[in-house]
Amino acid sequence: MGRGKTLTMPERAQVDLMVQLKMSVSLISARIHRSRTVIKSYISGPVAYGTSKSTGRARKLKQRDERNVARAVSNTMKSAKDVGAEIQLKVSKSTILRTIQRSGNITRQIMQPIPTTALEPSWLRRRSKCSIGQRARRT
């Protein structure tokens, strides 16, 4: 959940003054038009107020696992599921795909078509080999 705006310096000075005058938290919050929660958190620790950072959700894969994924994928045509099985990761394939995309070193490319000579039907290749062999025997 997002955080609201912290108290400004003038608001902090007003809260300090009202606390010295022994005003209640409800009365202070009504005077400055801020929530009781923000007033209570400022009063409980004015020096540390507004310094904590929101760390966010922890990642499923640690940095070492991300490097292992990048190493396993580089210069291969493995699927995300194959990579997860090879490294023995217990994460979804979308997490592995996201990790690959985030790495930046690995790019997704379209495979190049194979040369047309390899597309010759096998019977044609066999016949041409036979005819060469027969010619060799005749001479």
C-alpha atoms as a PDB file:
ATOM      1  CA  MET A   1       0.000   0.000   0.000  1.00  0.00           C
ATOM      2  CA  GLY A   2       1.256   3.485  -0.814  1.00  0.00           C
ATOM      3  CA  ARG A   3       2.354   6.006   1.713  1.00  0.00           C
ATOM      4  CA  GLY A   4       0.897   9.458   2.215  1.00  0.00           C
ATOM      5  CA  LYS A   5       2.920  12.644   2.284  1.00  0.00           C
ATOM      6  CA  THR A   6       5.052  13.216   5.357  1.00  0.00           C
ATOM      7  CA  LEU A   7       4.645  16.244   7.570  1.00  0.00           C
ATOM      8  CA  THR A   8       6.273  19.406   6.267  1.00  0.00           C
ATOM      9  CA  MET A   9       8.697  21.396   8.438  1.00  0.00           C
ATOM     10  CA  PRO A  10       6.083  24.046   9.380  1.00  0.00           C
ATOM     11  CA  GLU A  11       3.627  21.268  10.299  1.00  0.00           C
ATOM     12  CA  ARG A  12       6.283  19.570  12.424  1.00  0.00           C
ATOM     13  CA  ALA A  13       6.943  22.836  14.252  1.00  0.00           C
ATOM     14  CA  GLN A  14       3.199  23.238  14.908  1.00  0.00           C
ATOM     15  CA  VAL A  15       2.952  19.677  16.232  1.00  0.00           C
ATOM     16  CA  ASP A  16       5.964  20.247  18.528  1.00  0.00           C
ATOM     17  CA  LEU A  17       4.371  23.409  19.895  1.00  0.00           C
ATOM     18  CA  MET A  18       0.985  21.742  20.452  1.00  0.00           C
ATOM     19  CA  VAL A  19       2.633  18.774  22.197  1.00  0.00           C
ATOM     20  CA  GLN A  20       4.368  21.194  24.577  1.00  0.00           C
ATOM     21  CA  LEU A  21       0.961  22.774  25.245  1.00  0.00           C
ATOM     22  CA  LYS A  22      -0.295  19.256  26.195  1.00  0.00           C
ATOM     23  CA  MET A  23      -2.913  19.072  23.436  1.00  0.00           C
ATOM     24  CA  SER A  24      -4.379  15.684  22.511  1.00  0.00           C
ATOM     25  CA  VAL A  25      -3.497  13.883  19.308  1.00  0.00           C
ATOM     26  CA  SER A  26      -7.080  14.200  18.076  1.00  0.00           C
ATOM     27  CA  LEU A  27      -7.080  17.944  18.627  1.00  0.00           C
ATOM     28  CA  ILE A  28      -3.671  18.355  16.939  1.00  0.00           C
ATOM     29  CA  SER A  29      -4.809  16.339  13.914  1.00  0.00           C
ATOM     30  CA  ALA A  30      -7.991  18.411  13.649  1.00  0.00           C
ATOM     31  CA  ARG A  31      -6.002  21.693  13.775  1.00  0.00           C
ATOM     32  CA  ILE A  32      -3.462  20.790  11.107  1.00  0.00           C
ATOM     33  CA  HIS A  33      -5.887  18.705   9.010  1.00  0.00           C
ATOM     34  CA  ARG A  34      -3.718  15.574   9.053  1.00  0.00           C
ATOM     35  CA  SER A  35      -4.496  12.062  10.255  1.00  0.00           C
ATOM     36  CA  ARG A  36      -4.022  10.950  13.862  1.00  0.00           C
ATOM     37  CA  THR A  37      -1.722   8.175  12.661  1.00  0.00           C
ATOM     38  CA  VAL A  38       0.777  10.567  11.076  1.00  0.00           C
ATOM     39  CA  ILE A  39       0.720  12.755  14.202  1.00  0.00           C
ATOM     40  CA  LYS A  40       1.300   9.740  16.484  1.00  0.00           C
ATOM     41  CA  SER A  41       4.166   8.442  14.374  1.00  0.00           C
ATOM     42  CA  TYR A  42       5.849  11.873  14.443  1.00  0.00           C
ATOM     43  CA  ILE A  43       5.404  12.273  18.208  1.00  0.00           C
ATOM     44  CA  SER A  44       6.770   8.787  18.926  1.00  0.00           C
ATOM     45  CA  GLY A  45      10.055   9.503  17.134  1.00  0.00           C
ATOM     46  CA  PRO A  46      10.584  13.002  15.717  1.00  0.00           C
ATOM     47  CA  VAL A  47      14.239  12.403  14.825  1.00  0.00           C
ATOM     48  CA  ALA A  48      13.629   9.184  12.847  1.00  0.00           C
ATOM     49  CA  TYR A  49      10.322  10.378  11.326  1.00  0.00           C
ATOM     50  CA  GLY A  50      10.183  10.062   7.534  1.00  0.00           C
ATOM     51  CA  THR A  51      13.545   8.302   7.139  1.00  0.00           C
ATOM     52  CA  SER A  52      12.447   4.687   6.665  1.00  0.00           C
ATOM     53  CA  LYS A  53      12.383   3.350   3.124  1.00  0.00           C
ATOM     54  CA  SER A  54       9.800   1.018   1.692  1.00  0.00           C
ATOM     55  CA  THR A  55      11.758  -2.050   0.594  1.00  0.00           C
ATOM     56  CA  GLY A  56       8.999  -3.594  -1.489  1.00  0.00           C
ATOM     57  CA  ARG A  57       8.430  -7.247  -2.196  1.00  0.00           C
ATOM     58  CA  ALA A  58      11.387  -9.605  -2.041  1.00  0.00           C
ATOM     59  CA  ARG A  59      12.454 -11.199  -5.307  1.00  0.00           C
ATOM     60  CA  LYS A  60      11.810 -14.878  -5.927  1.00  0.00           C
ATOM     61  CA  LEU A  61      15.275 -15.390  -7.404  1.00  0.00           C
ATOM     62  CA  LYS A  62      18.444 -14.200  -5.703  1.00  0.00           C
ATOM     63  CA  GLN A  63      21.220 -12.583  -7.750  1.00  0.00           C
ATOM     64  CA  ARG A  64      23.141 -15.852  -7.954  1.00  0.00           C
ATOM     65  CA  ASP A  65      20.058 -17.630  -9.345  1.00  0.00           C
ATOM     66  CA  GLU A  66      19.582 -14.856 -11.922  1.00  0.00           C
ATOM     67  CA  ARG A  67      23.193 -15.272 -13.049  1.00  0.00           C
ATOM     68  CA  ASN A  68      22.708 -19.044 -13.287  1.00  0.00           C
ATOM     69  CA  VAL A  69      19.613 -18.531 -15.454  1.00  0.00           C
ATOM     70  CA  ALA A  70      21.524 -16.176 -17.762  1.00  0.00           C
ATOM     71  CA  ARG A  71      24.402 -18.655 -17.990  1.00  0.00           C
ATOM     72  CA  ALA A  72      22.087 -21.587 -18.746  1.00  0.00           C
ATOM     73  CA  VAL A  73      20.208 -19.692 -21.445  1.00  0.00           C
ATOM     74  CA  SER A  74      23.155 -18.100 -23.229  1.00  0.00           C
ATOM     75  CA  ASN A  75      23.826 -19.503 -26.692  1.00  0.00           C
ATOM     76  CA  THR A  76      21.177 -22.232 -26.416  1.00  0.00           C
ATOM     77  CA  MET A  77      17.635 -22.756 -27.591  1.00  0.00           C
ATOM     78  CA  LYS A  78      16.234 -24.033 -24.282  1.00  0.00           C
ATOM     79  CA  SER A  79      12.732 -23.196 -23.150  1.00  0.00           C
ATOM     80  CA  ALA A  80      12.056 -21.461 -19.840  1.00  0.00           C
ATOM     81  CA  LYS A  81      10.746 -24.708 -18.346  1.00  0.00           C
ATOM     82  CA  ASP A  82      13.887 -26.569 -19.432  1.00  0.00           C
ATOM     83  CA  VAL A  83      16.099 -23.927 -17.831  1.00  0.00           C
ATOM     84  CA  GLY A  84      14.130 -24.106 -14.579  1.00  0.00           C
ATOM     85  CA  ALA A  85      14.398 -27.888 -14.522  1.00  0.00           C
ATOM     86  CA  GLU A  86      18.123 -27.821 -15.293  1.00  0.00           C
ATOM     87  CA  ILE A  87      18.952 -25.364 -12.508  1.00  0.00           C
ATOM     88  CA  GLN A  88      16.314 -26.905 -10.219  1.00  0.00           C
ATOM     89  CA  LEU A  89      14.417 -23.670  -9.571  1.00  0.00           C
ATOM     90  CA  LYS A  90      10.987 -23.789  -7.999  1.00  0.00           C
ATOM     91  CA  VAL A  91       9.588 -20.753  -9.811  1.00  0.00           C
ATOM     92  CA  SER A  92       7.158 -20.302 -12.674  1.00  0.00           C
ATOM     93  CA  LYS A  93       8.288 -20.048 -16.274  1.00  0.00           C
ATOM     94  CA  SER A  94       7.100 -16.424 -16.415  1.00  0.00           C
ATOM     95  CA  THR A  95       9.533 -15.580 -13.595  1.00  0.00           C
ATOM     96  CA  ILE A  96      12.354 -17.166 -15.585  1.00  0.00           C
ATOM     97  CA  LEU A  97      11.312 -15.284 -18.740  1.00  0.00           C
ATOM     98  CA  ARG A  98      11.207 -12.028 -16.766  1.00  0.00           C
ATOM     99  CA  THR A  99      14.690 -12.724 -15.412  1.00  0.00           C
ATOM    100  CA  ILE A 100      16.025 -13.382 -18.914  1.00  0.00           C
ATOM    101  CA  GLN A 101      14.487 -10.164 -20.186  1.00  0.00           C
ATOM    102  CA  ARG A 102      15.809  -8.166 -17.235  1.00  0.00           C
ATOM    103  CA  SER A 103      19.368  -9.456 -17.681  1.00  0.00           C
ATOM    104  CA  GLY A 104      19.871  -7.302 -20.788  1.00  0.00           C
ATOM    105  CA  ASN A 105      22.703  -9.472 -22.161  1.00  0.00           C
ATOM    106  CA  ILE A 106      20.416 -11.970 -23.817  1.00  0.00           C
ATOM    107  CA  THR A 107      18.176 -10.874 -26.657  1.00  0.00           C
ATOM    108  CA  ARG A 108      15.449 -12.811 -28.333  1.00  0.00           C
ATOM    109  CA  GLN A 109      16.053 -13.292 -32.036  1.00  0.00           C
ATOM    110  CA  ILE A 110      14.197 -14.895 -34.894  1.00  0.00           C
ATOM    111  CA  MET A 111      15.900 -18.003 -36.206  1.00  0.00           C
ATOM    112  CA  GLN A 112      17.379 -17.748 -39.692  1.00  0.00           C
ATOM    113  CA  PRO A 113      15.853 -20.033 -42.343  1.00  0.00           C
ATOM    114  CA  ILE A 114      17.931 -23.015 -43.374  1.00  0.00           C
ATOM    115  CA  PRO A 115      19.521 -22.955 -46.837  1.00  0.00           C
ATOM    116  CA  THR A 116      17.385 -24.223 -49.720  1.00  0.00           C
ATOM    117  CA  THR A 117      19.846 -27.019 -50.586  1.00  0.00           C
ATOM    118  CA  ALA A 118      18.931 -28.785 -47.361  1.00  0.00           C
ATOM    119  CA  LEU A 119      15.281 -28.613 -48.369  1.00  0.00           C
ATOM    120  CA  GLU A 120      15.816 -30.954 -51.327  1.00  0.00           C
ATOM    121  CA  PRO A 121      13.771 -34.116 -51.034  1.00  0.00           C
ATOM    122  CA  SER A 122      15.788 -37.081 -49.811  1.00  0.00           C
ATOM    123  CA  TRP A 123      14.949 -39.221 -52.870  1.00  0.00           C
ATOM    124  CA  LEU A 124      16.513 -36.562 -55.086  1.00  0.00           C
ATOM    125  CA  ARG A 125      19.683 -36.465 -53.020  1.00  0.00           C
ATOM    126  CA  ARG A 126      19.894 -40.258 -53.012  1.00  0.00           C
ATOM    127  CA  ARG A 127      19.410 -40.437 -56.793  1.00  0.00           C
ATOM    128  CA  SER A 128      22.133 -37.896 -57.473  1.00  0.00           C
ATOM    129  CA  LYS A 129      24.534 -39.840 -55.249  1.00  0.00           C
ATOM    130  CA  CYS A 130      23.668 -43.075 -57.041  1.00  0.00           C
ATOM    131  CA  SER A 131      24.178 -41.589 -60.465  1.00  0.00           C
ATOM    132  CA  ILE A 132      27.585 -40.280 -59.445  1.00  0.00           C
ATOM    133  CA  GLY A 133      28.504 -43.701 -58.101  1.00  0.00           C
ATOM    134  CA  GLN A 134      27.326 -45.442 -61.279  1.00  0.00           C
ATOM    135  CA  ARG A 135      29.339 -43.085 -63.429  1.00  0.00           C
ATOM    136  CA  ALA A 136      32.406 -43.822 -61.406  1.00  0.00           C
ATOM    137  CA  ARG A 137      31.974 -47.571 -61.898  1.00  0.00           C
ATOM    138  CA  ARG A 138      31.500 -47.246 -65.655  1.00  0.00           C
ATOM    139  CA  THR A 139      34.739 -45.459 -66.189  1.00  0.00           C
END
